[in-house]
Structure formats: C-alpha cells, structure tokens
Amino acid sequence: MSESDDILSVLSDDQSREIMKVLTDADLSIKQVSHLLNIPQSTAYRKVRKLEELKIIKKTKVIRTIEGLDESYYKNWTYEIIVTFKEGVLTHAIKHVKIEDKIIRLWQKFSD
C-alpha cells in the first residue's frame, strides 16, 4: 500500500478524522483522546501512531507521570490535505501549519 493509499484510508476513517479534529484545538495524550472520543485506548494508540507516521499529527511534549511513566501529547499540525486521482495514479499533498502561525498562537496564549 502506498503512502497516498494510507492517507486516503485515514481520511475515510471516522475515528481518525475525529482524532485529527480534537487535536486541532488542544495538545492531548492518548488517554485523553480515548476518553474524549469514547474509544478504547488500544484503538487510540494505533490510530495516533498511524497519523504520526503519516506526518498529519506530531508529538508536542512528553511528560513524566507520578508513576514514572512517560506520557506523550500530540497536536494536529496539518491544515490541508489534498488527495488527487489523475490518470490512474493516486497522489497527495499535506500542508502543515507554518512556524509563524505557531508563534502567533503562542503569543495569544500568553496574552490570555
């Protein structure tokens, strides 16, 4: 399966799209995603791993819990995905949030 096929598969999956949506507004751990979307943690892990592999979301931080475990937080850093089927070939383009946009959002958080 090609990467474009994987992108199309992820975009056609309701749970993956919901994960992308909730990670657009906040940095969340897999446990939080699982709870928020009412899906099993194992499903959330699998889907988050695939979304990260395809560079749709990214790990933003890792926090050590009281129990001594590392808990990763993720964020959607994609603002547009274009899938094209032309002359029998499936292709895709992913556009990520620009660094300037990240800096603006950071300043907005400080001003709140």
PDB file of N, CA and C in Angstrom:
ATOM      1  N   MET A   1       0.847  -1.176   0.000  1.00  0.00           N
ATOM      2  CA  MET A   1       0.000   0.000   0.000  1.00  0.00           C
ATOM      3  C   MET A   1       0.893   1.239   0.000  1.00  0.00           C
ATOM      4  N   SER A   2       0.605   2.207  -0.869  1.00  0.00           N
ATOM      5  CA  SER A   2       1.404   3.421  -0.951  1.00  0.00           C
ATOM      6  C   SER A   2       1.005   4.400   0.151  1.00  0.00           C
ATOM      7  N   GLU A   3       1.827   5.405   0.345  1.00  0.00           N
ATOM      8  CA  GLU A   3       1.526   6.417   1.360  1.00  0.00           C
ATOM      9  C   GLU A   3       0.232   7.156   1.014  1.00  0.00           C
ATOM     10  N   SER A   4      -0.019   7.414  -0.261  1.00  0.00           N
ATOM     11  CA  SER A   4      -1.266   8.065  -0.669  1.00  0.00           C
ATOM     12  C   SER A   4      -2.471   7.195  -0.341  1.00  0.00           C
ATOM     13  N   ASP A   5      -2.324   5.885  -0.516  1.00  0.00           N
ATOM     14  CA  ASP A   5      -3.398   4.964  -0.131  1.00  0.00           C
ATOM     15  C   ASP A   5      -3.637   5.041   1.377  1.00  0.00           C
ATOM     16  N   ASP A   6      -2.538   5.109   2.141  1.00  0.00           N
ATOM     17  CA  ASP A   6      -2.655   5.228   3.598  1.00  0.00           C
ATOM     18  C   ASP A   6      -3.365   6.519   3.988  1.00  0.00           C
ATOM     19  N   ILE A   7      -3.026   7.612   3.322  1.00  0.00           N
ATOM     20  CA  ILE A   7      -3.669   8.904   3.599  1.00  0.00           C
ATOM     21  C   ILE A   7      -5.166   8.797   3.326  1.00  0.00           C
ATOM     22  N   LEU A   8      -5.525   8.229   2.197  1.00  0.00           N
ATOM     23  CA  LEU A   8      -6.939   8.082   1.842  1.00  0.00           C
ATOM     24  C   LEU A   8      -7.652   7.188   2.853  1.00  0.00           C
ATOM     25  N   SER A   9      -6.993   6.138   3.293  1.00  0.00           N
ATOM     26  CA  SER A   9      -7.567   5.241   4.288  1.00  0.00           C
ATOM     27  C   SER A   9      -7.819   5.971   5.604  1.00  0.00           C
ATOM     28  N   VAL A  10      -6.866   6.766   6.041  1.00  0.00           N
ATOM     29  CA  VAL A  10      -7.011   7.522   7.287  1.00  0.00           C
ATOM     30  C   VAL A  10      -8.139   8.549   7.161  1.00  0.00           C
ATOM     31  N   LEU A  11      -8.195   9.232   6.030  1.00  0.00           N
ATOM     32  CA  LEU A  11      -9.224  10.260   5.833  1.00  0.00           C
ATOM     33  C   LEU A  11     -10.622   9.663   5.726  1.00  0.00           C
ATOM     34  N   SER A  12     -10.719   8.418   5.314  1.00  0.00           N
ATOM     35  CA  SER A  12     -12.030   7.782   5.202  1.00  0.00           C
ATOM     36  C   SER A  12     -12.466   7.121   6.512  1.00  0.00           C
ATOM     37  N   ASP A  13     -11.593   7.151   7.516  1.00  0.00           N
ATOM     38  CA  ASP A  13     -11.887   6.541   8.810  1.00  0.00           C
ATOM     39  C   ASP A  13     -12.443   7.599   9.777  1.00  0.00           C
ATOM     40  N   ASP A  14     -13.678   7.400  10.234  1.00  0.00           N
ATOM     41  CA  ASP A  14     -14.339   8.372  11.117  1.00  0.00           C
ATOM     42  C   ASP A  14     -13.532   8.662  12.375  1.00  0.00           C
ATOM     43  N   GLN A  15     -13.023   7.626  13.035  1.00  0.00           N
ATOM     44  CA  GLN A  15     -12.290   7.823  14.283  1.00  0.00           C
ATOM     45  C   GLN A  15     -10.991   8.600  14.060  1.00  0.00           C
ATOM     46  N   SER A  16     -10.300   8.317  12.978  1.00  0.00           N
ATOM     47  CA  SER A  16      -9.066   9.049  12.674  1.00  0.00           C
ATOM     48  C   SER A  16      -9.365  10.528  12.429  1.00  0.00           C
ATOM     49  N   ARG A  17     -10.443  10.794  11.707  1.00  0.00           N
ATOM     50  CA  ARG A  17     -10.825  12.199  11.471  1.00  0.00           C
ATOM     51  C   ARG A  17     -11.210  12.892  12.771  1.00  0.00           C
ATOM     52  N   GLU A  18     -11.894  12.182  13.664  1.00  0.00           N
ATOM     53  CA  GLU A  18     -12.260  12.762  14.965  1.00  0.00           C
ATOM     54  C   GLU A  18     -11.005  13.054  15.794  1.00  0.00           C
ATOM     55  N   ILE A  19     -10.045  12.161  15.739  1.00  0.00           N
ATOM     56  CA  ILE A  19      -8.779  12.394  16.445  1.00  0.00           C
ATOM     57  C   ILE A  19      -8.102  13.641  15.884  1.00  0.00           C
ATOM     58  N   MET A  20      -8.050  13.756  14.565  1.00  0.00           N
ATOM     59  CA  MET A  20      -7.460  14.941  13.946  1.00  0.00           C
ATOM     60  C   MET A  20      -8.182  16.205  14.403  1.00  0.00           C
ATOM     61  N   LYS A  21      -9.498  16.120  14.485  1.00  0.00           N
ATOM     62  CA  LYS A  21     -10.301  17.282  14.869  1.00  0.00           C
ATOM     63  C   LYS A  21     -10.008  17.711  16.306  1.00  0.00           C
ATOM     64  N   VAL A  22     -10.010  16.772  17.254  1.00  0.00           N
ATOM     65  CA  VAL A  22      -9.783  17.155  18.659  1.00  0.00           C
ATOM     66  C   VAL A  22      -8.343  17.610  18.885  1.00  0.00           C
ATOM     67  N   LEU A  23      -7.417  17.093  18.086  1.00  0.00           N
ATOM     68  CA  LEU A  23      -6.029  17.516  18.230  1.00  0.00           C
ATOM     69  C   LEU A  23      -5.738  18.839  17.532  1.00  0.00           C
ATOM     70  N   THR A  24      -6.711  19.373  16.829  1.00  0.00           N
ATOM     71  CA  THR A  24      -6.545  20.692  16.220  1.00  0.00           C
ATOM     72  C   THR A  24      -6.636  21.780  17.281  1.00  0.00           C
ATOM     73  N   ASP A  25      -7.471  21.555  18.284  1.00  0.00           N
ATOM     74  CA  ASP A  25      -7.725  22.579  19.296  1.00  0.00           C
ATOM     75  C   ASP A  25      -6.846  22.465  20.529  1.00  0.00           C
ATOM     76  N   ALA A  26      -6.263  21.307  20.783  1.00  0.00           N
ATOM     77  CA  ALA A  26      -5.508  21.120  22.014  1.00  0.00           C
ATOM     78  C   ALA A  26      -4.467  20.018  21.868  1.00  0.00           C
ATOM     79  N   ASP A  27      -3.418  20.125  22.690  1.00  0.00           N
ATOM     80  CA  ASP A  27      -2.444  19.042  22.811  1.00  0.00           C
ATOM     81  C   ASP A  27      -3.042  18.036  23.787  1.00  0.00           C
ATOM     82  N   LEU A  28      -3.180  16.800  23.351  1.00  0.00           N
ATOM     83  CA  LEU A  28      -3.804  15.780  24.192  1.00  0.00           C
ATOM     84  C   LEU A  28      -2.969  14.508  24.222  1.00  0.00           C
ATOM     85  N   SER A  29      -3.074  13.792  25.327  1.00  0.00           N
ATOM     86  CA  SER A  29      -2.443  12.471  25.432  1.00  0.00           C
ATOM     87  C   SER A  29      -3.387  11.442  24.808  1.00  0.00           C
ATOM     88  N   ILE A  30      -2.879  10.271  24.576  1.00  0.00           N
ATOM     89  CA  ILE A  30      -3.703   9.206  24.014  1.00  0.00           C
ATOM     90  C   ILE A  30      -4.823   8.849  24.988  1.00  0.00           C
ATOM     91  N   LYS A  31      -4.513   8.858  26.264  1.00  0.00           N
ATOM     92  CA  LYS A  31      -5.531   8.580  27.278  1.00  0.00           C
ATOM     93  C   LYS A  31      -6.667   9.609  27.198  1.00  0.00           C
ATOM     94  N   GLN A  32      -6.322  10.874  27.023  1.00  0.00           N
ATOM     95  CA  GLN A  32      -7.334  11.928  26.905  1.00  0.00           C
ATOM     96  C   GLN A  32      -8.150  11.771  25.623  1.00  0.00           C
ATOM     97  N   VAL A  33      -7.484  11.445  24.526  1.00  0.00           N
ATOM     98  CA  VAL A  33      -8.179  11.224  23.246  1.00  0.00           C
ATOM     99  C   VAL A  33      -9.160  10.074  23.398  1.00  0.00           C
ATOM    100  N   SER A  34      -8.707   8.995  24.000  1.00  0.00           N
ATOM    101  CA  SER A  34      -9.541   7.818  24.211  1.00  0.00           C
ATOM    102  C   SER A  34     -10.790   8.170  25.016  1.00  0.00           C
ATOM    103  N   HIS A  35     -10.589   8.904  26.100  1.00  0.00           N
ATOM    104  CA  HIS A  35     -11.708   9.292  26.968  1.00  0.00           C
ATOM    105  C   HIS A  35     -12.654  10.256  26.253  1.00  0.00           C
ATOM    106  N   LEU A  36     -12.093  11.256  25.599  1.00  0.00           N
ATOM    107  CA  LEU A  36     -12.895  12.282  24.925  1.00  0.00           C
ATOM    108  C   LEU A  36     -13.756  11.707  23.802  1.00  0.00           C
ATOM    109  N   LEU A  37     -13.198  10.767  23.041  1.00  0.00           N
ATOM    110  CA  LEU A  37     -13.911  10.191  21.897  1.00  0.00           C
ATOM    111  C   LEU A  37     -14.607   8.876  22.227  1.00  0.00           C
ATOM    112  N   ASN A  38     -14.453   8.427  23.471  1.00  0.00           N
ATOM    113  CA  ASN A  38     -15.090   7.191  23.919  1.00  0.00           C
ATOM    114  C   ASN A  38     -14.696   6.001  23.029  1.00  0.00           C
ATOM    115  N   ILE A  39     -13.373   5.879  22.825  1.00  0.00           N
ATOM    116  CA  ILE A  39     -12.833   4.751  22.063  1.00  0.00           C
ATOM    117  C   ILE A  39     -11.798   4.051  22.944  1.00  0.00           C
ATOM    118  N   PRO A  40     -11.562   2.757  22.727  1.00  0.00           N
ATOM    119  CA  PRO A  40     -10.560   2.047  23.532  1.00  0.00           C
ATOM    120  C   PRO A  40      -9.173   2.666  23.357  1.00  0.00           C
ATOM    121  N   GLN A  41      -8.364   2.634  24.428  1.00  0.00           N
ATOM    122  CA  GLN A  41      -7.010   3.189  24.343  1.00  0.00           C
ATOM    123  C   GLN A  41      -6.179   2.487  23.279  1.00  0.00           C
ATOM    124  N   SER A  42      -6.381   1.192  23.124  1.00  0.00           N
ATOM    125  CA  SER A  42      -5.608   0.464  22.111  1.00  0.00           C
ATOM    126  C   SER A  42      -5.916   0.991  20.708  1.00  0.00           C
ATOM    127  N   THR A  43      -7.182   1.322  20.464  1.00  0.00           N
ATOM    128  CA  THR A  43      -7.578   1.905  19.169  1.00  0.00           C
ATOM    129  C   THR A  43      -6.961   3.281  19.003  1.00  0.00           C
ATOM    130  N   ALA A  44      -7.028   4.085  20.064  1.00  0.00           N
ATOM    131  CA  ALA A  44      -6.450   5.428  20.018  1.00  0.00           C
ATOM    132  C   ALA A  44      -4.943   5.355  19.752  1.00  0.00           C
ATOM    133  N   TYR A  45      -4.231   4.451  20.431  1.00  0.00           N
ATOM    134  CA  TYR A  45      -2.791   4.277  20.202  1.00  0.00           C
ATOM    135  C   TYR A  45      -2.506   3.945  18.738  1.00  0.00           C
ATOM    136  N   ARG A  46      -3.232   2.976  18.207  1.00  0.00           N
ATOM    137  CA  ARG A  46      -2.996   2.532  16.830  1.00  0.00           C
ATOM    138  C   ARG A  46      -3.233   3.657  15.833  1.00  0.00           C
ATOM    139  N   LYS A  47      -4.328   4.377  16.012  1.00  0.00           N
ATOM    140  CA  LYS A  47      -4.675   5.438  15.062  1.00  0.00           C
ATOM    141  C   LYS A  47      -3.743   6.642  15.194  1.00  0.00           C
ATOM    142  N   VAL A  48      -3.379   6.989  16.420  1.00  0.00           N
ATOM    143  CA  VAL A  48      -2.442   8.087  16.634  1.00  0.00           C
ATOM    144  C   VAL A  48      -1.075   7.736  16.040  1.00  0.00           C
ATOM    145  N   ARG A  49      -0.640   6.516  16.237  1.00  0.00           N
ATOM    146  CA  ARG A  49       0.641   6.080  15.667  1.00  0.00           C
ATOM    147  C   ARG A  49       0.633   6.226  14.143  1.00  0.00           C
ATOM    148  N   LYS A  50      -0.464   5.826  13.495  1.00  0.00           N
ATOM    149  CA  LYS A  50      -0.552   5.935  12.037  1.00  0.00           C
ATOM    150  C   LYS A  50      -0.580   7.399  11.593  1.00  0.00           C
ATOM    151  N   LEU A  51      -1.350   8.236  12.300  1.00  0.00           N
ATOM    152  CA  LEU A  51      -1.420   9.660  11.968  1.00  0.00           C
ATOM    153  C   LEU A  51      -0.059  10.330  12.131  1.00  0.00           C
ATOM    154  N   GLU A  52       0.680   9.928  13.151  1.00  0.00           N
ATOM    155  CA  GLU A  52       2.021  10.493  13.360  1.00  0.00           C
ATOM    156  C   GLU A  52       2.979  10.003  12.269  1.00  0.00           C
ATOM    157  N   GLU A  53       2.877   8.742  11.926  1.00  0.00           N
ATOM    158  CA  GLU A  53       3.723   8.164  10.874  1.00  0.00           C
ATOM    159  C   GLU A  53       3.506   8.892   9.538  1.00  0.00           C
ATOM    160  N   LEU A  54       2.270   9.286   9.271  1.00  0.00           N
ATOM    161  CA  LEU A  54       1.943   9.978   8.027  1.00  0.00           C
ATOM    162  C   LEU A  54       2.182  11.487   8.103  1.00  0.00           C
ATOM    163  N   LYS A  55       2.702  11.952   9.253  1.00  0.00           N
ATOM    164  CA  LYS A  55       3.035  13.362   9.477  1.00  0.00           C
ATOM    165  C   LYS A  55       1.815  14.276   9.424  1.00  0.00           C
ATOM    166  N   ILE A  56       0.685  13.741   9.887  1.00  0.00           N
ATOM    167  CA  ILE A  56      -0.542  14.536   9.991  1.00  0.00           C
ATOM    168  C   ILE A  56      -0.604  15.176  11.376  1.00  0.00           C
ATOM    169  N   ILE A  57      -0.199  14.422  12.386  1.00  0.00           N
ATOM    170  CA  ILE A  57      -0.101  14.958  13.737  1.00  0.00           C
ATOM    171  C   ILE A  57       1.342  14.797  14.188  1.00  0.00           C
ATOM    172  N   LYS A  58       1.698  15.485  15.271  1.00  0.00           N
ATOM    173  CA  LYS A  58       3.050  15.313  15.782  1.00  0.00           C
ATOM    174  C   LYS A  58       3.050  15.349  17.293  1.00  0.00           C
ATOM    175  N   LYS A  59       4.041  14.714  17.849  1.00  0.00           N
ATOM    176  CA  LYS A  59       4.229  14.704  19.304  1.00  0.00           C
ATOM    177  C   LYS A  59       4.752  16.082  19.698  1.00  0.00           C
ATOM    178  N   THR A  60       4.088  16.705  20.673  1.00  0.00           N
ATOM    179  CA  THR A  60       4.494  18.038  21.090  1.00  0.00           C
ATOM    180  C   THR A  60       5.275  18.050  22.392  1.00  0.00           C
ATOM    181  N   LYS A  61       5.012  17.079  23.246  1.00  0.00           N
ATOM    182  CA  LYS A  61       5.736  17.023  24.515  1.00  0.00           C
ATOM    183  C   LYS A  61       5.572  15.643  25.134  1.00  0.00           C
ATOM    184  N   VAL A  62       6.492  15.347  26.042  1.00  0.00           N
ATOM    185  CA  VAL A  62       6.433  14.103  26.808  1.00  0.00           C
ATOM    186  C   VAL A  62       6.545  14.500  28.276  1.00  0.00           C
ATOM    187  N   ILE A  63       5.591  14.052  29.076  1.00  0.00           N
ATOM    188  CA  ILE A  63       5.564  14.379  30.498  1.00  0.00           C
ATOM    189  C   ILE A  63       5.720  13.095  31.301  1.00  0.00           C
ATOM    190  N   ARG A  64       6.568  13.157  32.301  1.00  0.00           N
ATOM    191  CA  ARG A  64       6.752  12.010  33.199  1.00  0.00           C
ATOM    192  C   ARG A  64       5.647  12.044  34.250  1.00  0.00           C
ATOM    193  N   THR A  65       4.898  10.944  34.355  1.00  0.00           N
ATOM    194  CA  THR A  65       3.797  10.860  35.312  1.00  0.00           C
ATOM    195  C   THR A  65       4.336  10.543  36.713  1.00  0.00           C
ATOM    196  N   ILE A  66       3.467  10.660  37.705  1.00  0.00           N
ATOM    197  CA  ILE A  66       3.835  10.345  39.084  1.00  0.00           C
ATOM    198  C   ILE A  66       4.308   8.895  39.193  1.00  0.00           C
ATOM    199  N   GLU A  67       3.714   8.036  38.360  1.00  0.00           N
ATOM    200  CA  GLU A  67       4.085   6.620  38.366  1.00  0.00           C
ATOM    201  C   GLU A  67       5.438   6.366  37.691  1.00  0.00           C
ATOM    202  N   GLY A  68       6.045   7.405  37.118  1.00  0.00           N
ATOM    203  CA  GLY A  68       7.334   7.256  36.457  1.00  0.00           C
ATOM    204  C   GLY A  68       7.244   6.870  34.991  1.00  0.00           C
ATOM    205  N   LEU A  69       6.048   6.940  34.431  1.00  0.00           N
ATOM    206  CA  LEU A  69       5.858   6.604  33.016  1.00  0.00           C
ATOM    207  C   LEU A  69       5.866   7.870  32.170  1.00  0.00           C
ATOM    208  N   ASP A  70       6.318   7.752  30.938  1.00  0.00           N
ATOM    209  CA  ASP A  70       6.289   8.885  30.020  1.00  0.00           C
ATOM    210  C   ASP A  70       4.941   8.928  29.316  1.00  0.00           C
ATOM    211  N   GLU A  71       4.310  10.104  29.320  1.00  0.00           N
ATOM    212  CA  GLU A  71       3.028  10.291  28.650  1.00  0.00           C
ATOM    213  C   GLU A  71       3.217  11.313  27.536  1.00  0.00           C
ATOM    214  N   SER A  72       2.999  10.899  26.295  1.00  0.00           N
ATOM    215  CA  SER A  72       3.186  11.767  25.136  1.00  0.00           C
ATOM    216  C   SER A  72       1.910  12.537  24.824  1.00  0.00           C
ATOM    217  N   TYR A  73       2.086  13.769  24.367  1.00  0.00           N
ATOM    218  CA  TYR A  73       0.972  14.617  23.946  1.00  0.00           C
ATOM    219  C   TYR A  73       1.140  14.923  22.467  1.00  0.00           C
ATOM    220  N   TYR A  74       0.012  15.010  21.770  1.00  0.00           N
ATOM    221  CA  TYR A  74       0.014  15.165  20.320  1.00  0.00           C
ATOM    222  C   TYR A  74      -0.823  16.362  19.907  1.00  0.00           C
ATOM    223  N   LYS A  75      -0.505  16.874  18.714  1.00  0.00           N
ATOM    224  CA  LYS A  75      -1.219  18.016  18.148  1.00  0.00           C
ATOM    225  C   LYS A  75      -1.334  17.823  16.644  1.00  0.00           C
ATOM    226  N   ASN A  76      -2.475  18.218  16.092  1.00  0.00           N
ATOM    227  CA  ASN A  76      -2.639  18.212  14.641  1.00  0.00           C
ATOM    228  C   ASN A  76      -1.859  19.400  14.090  1.00  0.00           C
ATOM    229  N   TRP A  77      -0.928  19.167  13.200  1.00  0.00           N
ATOM    230  CA  TRP A  77      -0.162  20.266  12.624  1.00  0.00           C
ATOM    231  C   TRP A  77      -0.376  20.378  11.112  1.00  0.00           C
ATOM    232  N   THR A  78      -1.504  19.803  10.673  1.00  0.00           N
ATOM    233  CA  THR A  78      -1.871  19.843   9.260  1.00  0.00           C
ATOM    234  C   THR A  78      -3.078  20.749   9.090  1.00  0.00           C
ATOM    235  N   TYR A  79      -3.016  21.659   8.146  1.00  0.00           N
ATOM    236  CA  TYR A  79      -4.194  22.482   7.906  1.00  0.00           C
ATOM    237  C   TYR A  79      -4.870  22.161   6.575  1.00  0.00           C
ATOM    238  N   GLU A  80      -4.201  21.350   5.735  1.00  0.00           N
ATOM    239  CA  GLU A  80      -4.843  20.972   4.477  1.00  0.00           C
ATOM    240  C   GLU A  80      -4.210  19.692   3.940  1.00  0.00           C
ATOM    241  N   ILE A  81      -5.067  18.783   3.475  1.00  0.00           N
ATOM    242  CA  ILE A  81      -4.613  17.561   2.813  1.00  0.00           C
ATOM    243  C   ILE A  81      -5.347  17.489   1.479  1.00  0.00           C
ATOM    244  N   ILE A  82      -4.577  17.378   0.410  1.00  0.00           N
ATOM    245  CA  ILE A  82      -5.162  17.311  -0.931  1.00  0.00           C
ATOM    246  C   ILE A  82      -4.849  15.928  -1.508  1.00  0.00           C
ATOM    247  N   VAL A  83      -5.901  15.209  -1.889  1.00  0.00           N
ATOM    248  CA  VAL A  83      -5.745  13.890  -2.494  1.00  0.00           C
ATOM    249  C   VAL A  83      -6.223  14.003  -3.937  1.00  0.00           C
ATOM    250  N   THR A  84      -5.391  13.517  -4.857  1.00  0.00           N
ATOM    251  CA  THR A  84      -5.704  13.616  -6.283  1.00  0.00           C
ATOM    252  C   THR A  84      -5.609  12.237  -6.933  1.00  0.00           C
ATOM    253  N   PHE A  85      -6.583  11.946  -7.773  1.00  0.00           N
ATOM    254  CA  PHE A  85      -6.534  10.733  -8.584  1.00  0.00           C
ATOM    255  C   PHE A  85      -6.545  11.188 -10.029  1.00  0.00           C
ATOM    256  N   LYS A  86      -5.411  11.047 -10.703  1.00  0.00           N
ATOM    257  CA  LYS A  86      -5.279  11.540 -12.074  1.00  0.00           C
ATOM    258  C   LYS A  86      -4.539  10.496 -12.907  1.00  0.00           C
ATOM    259  N   GLU A  87      -5.138  10.145 -14.030  1.00  0.00           N
ATOM    260  CA  GLU A  87      -4.563   9.175 -14.952  1.00  0.00           C
ATOM    261  C   GLU A  87      -4.202   7.868 -14.248  1.00  0.00           C
ATOM    262  N   GLY A  88      -5.088   7.461 -13.348  1.00  0.00           N
ATOM    263  CA  GLY A  88      -4.918   6.188 -12.668  1.00  0.00           C
ATOM    264  C   GLY A  88      -3.945   6.196 -11.503  1.00  0.00           C
ATOM    265  N   VAL A  89      -3.433   7.372 -11.147  1.00  0.00           N
ATOM    266  CA  VAL A  89      -2.456   7.453 -10.068  1.00  0.00           C
ATOM    267  C   VAL A  89      -3.019   8.308  -8.935  1.00  0.00           C
ATOM    268  N   LEU A  90      -2.945   7.773  -7.725  1.00  0.00           N
ATOM    269  CA  LEU A  90      -3.392   8.475  -6.520  1.00  0.00           C
ATOM    270  C   LEU A  90      -2.197   9.190  -5.910  1.00  0.00           C
ATOM    271  N   THR A  91      -2.333  10.499  -5.699  1.00  0.00           N
ATOM    272  CA  THR A  91      -1.270  11.278  -5.067  1.00  0.00           C
ATOM    273  C   THR A  91      -1.875  12.133  -3.959  1.00  0.00           C
ATOM    274  N   HIS A  92      -1.009  12.677  -3.125  1.00  0.00           N
ATOM    275  CA  HIS A  92      -1.481  13.541  -2.047  1.00  0.00           C
ATOM    276  C   HIS A  92      -0.458  14.634  -1.753  1.00  0.00           C
ATOM    277  N   ALA A  93      -0.943  15.683  -1.127  1.00  0.00           N
ATOM    278  CA  ALA A  93      -0.082  16.767  -0.647  1.00  0.00           C
ATOM    279  C   ALA A  93      -0.609  17.179   0.722  1.00  0.00           C
ATOM    280  N   ILE A  94       0.300  17.304   1.666  1.00  0.00           N
ATOM    281  CA  ILE A  94      -0.065  17.717   3.018  1.00  0.00           C
ATOM    282  C   ILE A  94       0.563  19.078   3.275  1.00  0.00           C
ATOM    283  N   LYS A  95      -0.255  20.021   3.720  1.00  0.00           N
ATOM    284  CA  LYS A  95       0.247  21.351   4.067  1.00  0.00           C
ATOM    285  C   LYS A  95       0.179  21.490   5.577  1.00  0.00           C
ATOM    286  N   HIS A  96       1.330  21.819   6.160  1.00  0.00           N
ATOM    287  CA  HIS A  96       1.429  21.936   7.611  1.00  0.00           C
ATOM    288  C   HIS A  96       1.303  23.389   8.053  1.00  0.00           C
ATOM    289  N   VAL A  97       0.940  23.560   9.308  1.00  0.00           N
ATOM    290  CA  VAL A  97       0.868  24.885   9.897  1.00  0.00           C
ATOM    291  C   VAL A  97       2.269  25.488   9.839  1.00  0.00           C
ATOM    292  N   LYS A  98       2.363  26.724   9.392  1.00  0.00           N
ATOM    293  CA  LYS A  98       3.655  27.399   9.282  1.00  0.00           C
ATOM    294  C   LYS A  98       4.151  27.797  10.662  1.00  0.00           C
ATOM    295  N   ILE A  99       5.445  27.889  10.802  1.00  0.00           N
ATOM    296  CA  ILE A  99       6.046  28.236  12.082  1.00  0.00           C
ATOM    297  C   ILE A  99       5.563  29.603  12.564  1.00  0.00           C
ATOM    298  N   GLU A 100       5.315  30.536  11.635  1.00  0.00           N
ATOM    299  CA  GLU A 100       4.832  31.857  12.029  1.00  0.00           C
ATOM    300  C   GLU A 100       3.477  31.741  12.728  1.00  0.00           C
ATOM    301  N   ASP A 101       2.614  30.845  12.226  1.00  0.00           N
ATOM    302  CA  ASP A 101       1.303  30.629  12.834  1.00  0.00           C
ATOM    303  C   ASP A 101       1.452  30.074  14.247  1.00  0.00           C
ATOM    304  N   LYS A 102       2.447  29.211  14.455  1.00  0.00           N
ATOM    305  CA  LYS A 102       2.680  28.647  15.777  1.00  0.00           C
ATOM    306  C   LYS A 102       3.110  29.738  16.747  1.00  0.00           C
ATOM    307  N   ILE A 103       3.957  30.644  16.293  1.00  0.00           N
ATOM    308  CA  ILE A 103       4.425  31.734  17.143  1.00  0.00           C
ATOM    309  C   ILE A 103       3.272  32.658  17.507  1.00  0.00           C
ATOM    310  N   ILE A 104       2.406  32.956  16.556  1.00  0.00           N
ATOM    311  CA  ILE A 104       1.237  33.799  16.816  1.00  0.00           C
ATOM    312  C   ILE A 104       0.343  33.141  17.859  1.00  0.00           C
ATOM    313  N   ARG A 105       0.098  31.827  17.724  1.00  0.00           N
ATOM    314  CA  ARG A 105      -0.734  31.121  18.702  1.00  0.00           C
ATOM    315  C   ARG A 105      -0.091  31.131  20.085  1.00  0.00           C
ATOM    316  N   LEU A 106       1.236  31.005  20.127  1.00  0.00           N
ATOM    317  CA  LEU A 106       1.942  31.038  21.399  1.00  0.00           C
ATOM    318  C   LEU A 106       1.758  32.393  22.072  1.00  0.00           C
ATOM    319  N   TRP A 107       1.895  33.475  21.325  1.00  0.00           N
ATOM    320  CA  TRP A 107       1.696  34.811  21.892  1.00  0.00           C
ATOM    321  C   TRP A 107       0.267  35.018  22.330  1.00  0.00           C
ATOM    322  N   GLN A 108      -0.684  34.451  21.603  1.00  0.00           N
ATOM    323  CA  GLN A 108      -2.077  34.562  22.005  1.00  0.00           C
ATOM    324  C   GLN A 108      -2.323  33.875  23.349  1.00  0.00           C
ATOM    325  N   LYS A 109      -1.656  32.748  23.582  1.00  0.00           N
ATOM    326  CA  LYS A 109      -1.805  32.045  24.859  1.00  0.00           C
ATOM    327  C   LYS A 109      -1.252  32.909  26.002  1.00  0.00           C
ATOM    328  N   PHE A 110      -0.123  33.581  25.745  1.00  0.00           N
ATOM    329  CA  PHE A 110       0.463  34.439  26.788  1.00  0.00           C
ATOM    330  C   PHE A 110      -0.417  35.640  27.100  1.00  0.00           C
ATOM    331  N   SER A 111      -1.105  36.138  26.088  1.00  0.00           N
ATOM    332  CA  SER A 111      -1.932  37.346  26.300  1.00  0.00           C
ATOM    333  C   SER A 111      -3.255  37.043  27.013  1.00  0.00           C
ATOM    334  N   ASP A 112      -3.666  35.776  27.034  1.00  0.00           N
ATOM    335  CA  ASP A 112      -4.935  35.400  27.699  1.00  0.00           C
ATOM    336  C   ASP A 112      -4.866  35.484  29.190  1.00  0.00           C
TER     337      ASP A 112
END
